Amino acid sequence: MIQLDIFSDPICPWCFIGKTLLDRALGEAGEHPFTIEYHPFQLNPDMPKGGMDRRAYLEGKFGGKKQAAEVYGRIAEAAEEAGLMLNFAAIERTPNTLDAHRLIHWAGLEQRQIPVVSMLFDAYFMQGRDIEDHEVLADIADSAGCDAAVIQRLLSGDADADNIRARDAHARERGITGVPTHIIANQHVVPGCQPPDLWLKLIDEINSQIGRPQ
């Protein structure tokens, strides 16, 4: 199997779109060579606990209401092309995602990382849920087959918080400045959202190199 490392943030719309396109390619490919692991990258590492009002955040980030609307108009179009109807109107706050990344890390230890990542995207972008809230995170963990009580207990303390911060910092030291970023076999970088056709071509090339039937 070939390692596919994905650097992502569960409040990044491009990460959700990119995962949707990748998942579509993996489904079409049938057998694929990847072992997939998600890694932390916070779009807003300095976001205060409790997050901030989403409208204020977007207008501050993009330089005003008009600019934010233009940027998110393009995102909505790209999402619709990928088959996603993102419910931006339901999102009231932009959260700090440190605890969401902790959950993703713990889910990975139980081989449940991919469903947890999917549920975090769905909770935030489709349902407008606060994915910084520990009850929401525990509910997602429970739905993915993790022990919600254990997750609640871990979230109540600082377990692995420094680990997540260090891995985020290491990603930036490696030159990752935006997400999603995909790294194949620790060698080849595939940045941003990529169409299924590109992933299918890569899968065919890798399968041929390792002698897997196509």
Protein backbone atom coordinates (compact mmCIF):
# COMPACT_ATOMS: atom_id res chain seq x y z
CA MET A 1 0.00 0.00 0.00
CA ILE A 2 1.07 3.59 -0.69
CA GLN A 3 0.78 6.22 2.02
CA LEU A 4 -1.44 9.18 1.17
CA ASP A 5 -1.09 11.91 3.78
CA ILE A 6 -3.74 14.62 3.68
CA PHE A 7 -3.29 17.93 5.49
CA SER A 8 -6.69 19.41 6.12
CA ASP A 9 -8.86 21.50 8.44
CA PRO A 10 -12.52 20.59 9.07
CA ILE A 11 -13.63 24.23 8.60
CA CYS A 12 -11.91 24.52 5.20
CA PRO A 13 -14.54 24.36 2.43
CA TRP A 14 -11.91 23.49 -0.17
CA CYS A 15 -10.88 20.54 2.00
CA PHE A 16 -14.48 19.29 2.02
CA ILE A 17 -14.75 19.74 -1.74
CA GLY A 18 -11.37 18.08 -2.27
CA LYS A 19 -12.31 15.10 -0.12
CA THR A 20 -15.58 14.71 -2.01
CA LEU A 21 -13.73 14.61 -5.34
CA LEU A 22 -11.08 12.22 -4.02
CA ASP A 23 -13.75 9.92 -2.56
CA ARG A 24 -15.51 9.88 -5.92
CA ALA A 25 -12.29 8.83 -7.65
CA LEU A 26 -11.59 6.13 -5.08
CA GLY A 27 -15.11 4.79 -5.55
CA GLU A 28 -14.74 4.71 -9.32
CA ALA A 29 -11.32 3.08 -9.11
CA GLY A 30 -12.61 0.17 -7.06
CA GLU A 31 -9.30 -1.07 -5.73
CA HIS A 32 -6.84 1.68 -4.96
CA PRO A 33 -3.32 1.58 -3.52
CA PHE A 34 -3.68 4.19 -0.79
CA THR A 35 -3.48 4.03 2.96
CA ILE A 36 -4.97 7.40 3.90
CA GLU A 37 -4.09 9.42 6.98
CA TYR A 38 -5.29 12.91 7.88
CA HIS A 39 -2.96 15.42 9.50
CA PRO A 40 -3.68 18.69 11.33
CA PHE A 41 -3.41 22.10 9.73
CA GLN A 42 -5.34 24.91 11.38
CA LEU A 43 -6.41 27.67 9.03
CA ASN A 44 -6.61 29.91 12.08
CA PRO A 45 -4.05 28.70 14.65
CA ASP A 46 -4.50 31.93 16.63
CA MET A 47 -8.29 31.70 16.77
CA PRO A 48 -9.36 32.22 20.40
CA LYS A 49 -11.19 29.48 22.24
CA GLY A 50 -14.87 29.80 21.56
CA GLY A 51 -14.18 31.08 18.05
CA MET A 52 -15.71 34.27 16.69
CA ASP A 53 -18.72 35.50 14.77
CA ARG A 54 -18.45 34.05 11.28
CA ARG A 55 -19.50 37.18 9.41
CA ALA A 56 -16.98 39.32 11.30
CA TYR A 57 -14.29 36.71 10.70
CA LEU A 58 -14.90 36.49 6.96
CA GLU A 59 -15.13 40.24 6.45
CA GLY A 60 -11.92 40.73 8.41
CA LYS A 61 -10.12 37.97 6.53
CA PHE A 62 -11.15 39.02 3.04
CA GLY A 63 -11.25 42.78 3.50
CA GLY A 64 -14.94 43.51 3.65
CA LYS A 65 -18.45 42.19 3.09
CA LYS A 66 -18.32 42.43 -0.70
CA GLN A 67 -14.99 40.64 -0.98
CA ALA A 68 -16.11 37.87 1.39
CA ALA A 69 -19.30 37.39 -0.65
CA GLU A 70 -17.28 37.14 -3.87
CA VAL A 71 -14.90 34.55 -2.41
CA TYR A 72 -17.68 32.43 -0.97
CA GLY A 73 -19.69 32.74 -4.16
CA ARG A 74 -16.82 31.04 -5.99
CA ILE A 75 -16.60 28.40 -3.26
CA ALA A 76 -20.34 27.72 -3.49
CA GLU A 77 -20.06 27.27 -7.26
CA ALA A 78 -17.17 24.82 -6.89
CA ALA A 79 -19.07 22.92 -4.21
CA GLU A 80 -22.18 22.65 -6.40
CA GLU A 81 -20.05 21.33 -9.26
CA ALA A 82 -18.81 18.64 -6.84
CA GLY A 83 -22.40 17.82 -5.87
CA LEU A 84 -22.36 19.61 -2.51
CA MET A 85 -24.92 22.17 -1.37
CA LEU A 86 -23.07 23.83 1.50
CA ASN A 87 -25.33 25.48 4.07
CA PHE A 88 -23.26 28.58 4.82
CA ALA A 89 -26.29 30.40 6.21
CA ALA A 90 -26.48 27.92 9.09
CA ILE A 91 -22.92 28.61 10.27
CA GLU A 92 -22.95 31.24 13.00
CA ARG A 93 -19.40 31.03 14.34
CA THR A 94 -15.95 30.17 13.05
CA PRO A 95 -14.53 27.83 15.69
CA ASN A 96 -11.08 27.07 16.97
CA THR A 97 -10.41 23.60 15.49
CA LEU A 98 -7.75 22.31 17.89
CA ASP A 99 -10.20 19.96 19.62
CA ALA A 100 -11.62 18.75 16.31
CA HIS A 101 -8.08 17.86 15.25
CA ARG A 102 -7.56 16.05 18.54
CA LEU A 103 -10.67 13.99 17.79
CA ILE A 104 -9.37 13.19 14.29
CA HIS A 105 -6.08 12.05 15.84
CA TRP A 106 -7.79 9.78 18.38
CA ALA A 107 -10.11 8.37 15.73
CA GLY A 108 -7.05 7.45 13.69
CA LEU A 109 -5.77 5.33 16.57
CA GLU A 110 -8.99 3.31 16.29
CA GLN A 111 -9.02 3.13 12.48
CA ARG A 112 -12.05 5.41 12.39
CA GLN A 113 -10.41 8.58 11.11
CA ILE A 114 -12.04 8.81 7.68
CA PRO A 115 -15.65 8.58 8.93
CA VAL A 116 -14.89 11.12 11.66
CA VAL A 117 -13.41 13.55 9.12
CA SER A 118 -16.49 13.10 6.92
CA MET A 119 -18.85 13.68 9.83
CA LEU A 120 -16.99 16.82 10.93
CA PHE A 121 -17.33 18.30 7.45
CA ASP A 122 -21.00 17.37 7.32
CA ALA A 123 -21.69 18.73 10.81
CA TYR A 124 -20.08 22.08 10.07
CA PHE A 125 -20.93 22.75 6.43
CA MET A 126 -24.27 21.00 6.09
CA GLN A 127 -25.79 21.25 9.56
CA GLY A 128 -24.14 24.41 10.91
CA ARG A 129 -23.11 22.66 14.13
CA ASP A 130 -20.38 24.07 16.37
CA ILE A 131 -17.52 21.57 15.97
CA GLU A 132 -15.65 23.16 18.85
CA ASP A 133 -18.42 22.13 21.25
CA HIS A 134 -17.40 19.02 23.17
CA GLU A 135 -20.91 17.58 23.10
CA VAL A 136 -20.97 17.83 19.32
CA LEU A 137 -17.52 16.23 19.04
CA ALA A 138 -18.52 13.40 21.39
CA ASP A 139 -21.70 12.83 19.37
CA ILE A 140 -19.65 12.59 16.17
CA ALA A 141 -17.24 10.20 17.88
CA ASP A 142 -20.13 8.03 19.03
CA SER A 143 -21.65 7.96 15.52
CA ALA A 144 -18.29 6.80 14.16
CA GLY A 145 -18.06 3.96 16.67
CA CYS A 146 -15.69 5.59 19.16
CA ASP A 147 -16.33 5.65 22.91
CA ALA A 148 -18.05 9.01 23.48
CA ALA A 149 -17.40 8.94 27.24
CA VAL A 150 -13.67 8.47 26.69
CA ILE A 151 -13.63 11.27 24.10
CA GLN A 152 -15.47 13.59 26.51
CA ARG A 153 -12.93 12.83 29.22
CA LEU A 154 -9.99 13.44 26.88
CA LEU A 155 -11.50 16.68 25.58
CA SER A 156 -11.95 17.98 29.13
CA GLY A 157 -8.16 18.01 29.52
CA ASP A 158 -5.18 18.90 27.33
CA ALA A 159 -4.38 15.41 26.05
CA ASP A 160 -2.44 15.59 22.75
CA ALA A 161 -3.03 19.34 22.35
CA ASP A 162 0.72 19.99 22.21
CA ASN A 163 1.09 17.11 19.77
CA ILE A 164 -1.44 18.69 17.40
CA ARG A 165 0.21 22.11 17.66
CA ALA A 166 3.63 20.60 16.99
CA ARG A 167 2.41 18.66 13.95
CA ASP A 168 0.69 21.78 12.60
CA ALA A 169 3.92 23.75 13.04
CA HIS A 170 5.93 20.96 11.39
CA ALA A 171 3.64 21.03 8.37
CA ARG A 172 4.33 24.73 7.94
CA GLU A 173 8.06 24.11 8.32
CA ARG A 174 7.78 21.61 5.46
CA GLY A 175 6.39 24.39 3.29
CA ILE A 176 2.67 23.66 3.50
CA THR A 177 0.88 26.99 3.40
CA GLY A 178 -2.63 25.98 2.40
CA VAL A 179 -4.97 23.03 2.47
CA PRO A 180 -5.92 20.56 1.28
CA THR A 181 -2.42 19.31 0.58
CA HIS A 182 -1.87 15.67 -0.37
CA ILE A 183 1.51 13.94 -0.13
CA ILE A 184 1.95 10.59 -1.85
CA ALA A 185 4.59 8.20 -0.46
CA ASN A 186 6.23 11.11 1.37
CA GLN A 187 7.57 12.32 -1.98
CA HIS A 188 4.97 13.71 -4.36
CA VAL A 189 2.81 16.71 -3.47
CA VAL A 190 -0.68 17.10 -4.91
CA PRO A 191 -1.97 20.51 -3.79
CA GLY A 192 -5.55 21.72 -3.57
CA CYS A 193 -8.78 20.24 -4.90
CA GLN A 194 -8.16 17.92 -7.81
CA PRO A 195 -10.75 16.43 -10.17
CA PRO A 196 -11.49 12.70 -10.04
CA ASP A 197 -9.86 12.21 -13.46
CA LEU A 198 -6.49 13.32 -12.10
CA TRP A 199 -6.76 10.95 -9.13
CA LEU A 200 -7.83 8.08 -11.40
CA LYS A 201 -4.82 8.70 -13.63
CA LEU A 202 -2.49 8.69 -10.61
CA ILE A 203 -4.10 5.51 -9.28
CA ASP A 204 -3.62 3.79 -12.65
CA GLU A 205 0.03 4.87 -12.78
CA ILE A 206 0.71 3.68 -9.23
CA ASN A 207 -1.11 0.39 -9.79
CA SER A 208 0.95 -0.29 -12.90
CA GLN A 209 4.18 0.48 -11.04
CA ILE A 210 3.41 -1.86 -8.16
CA GLY A 211 1.91 -4.60 -10.31
CA ARG A 212 -1.67 -4.27 -9.04
CA PRO A 213 -4.35 -5.26 -11.56
CA GLN A 214 -6.10 -2.23 -13.08
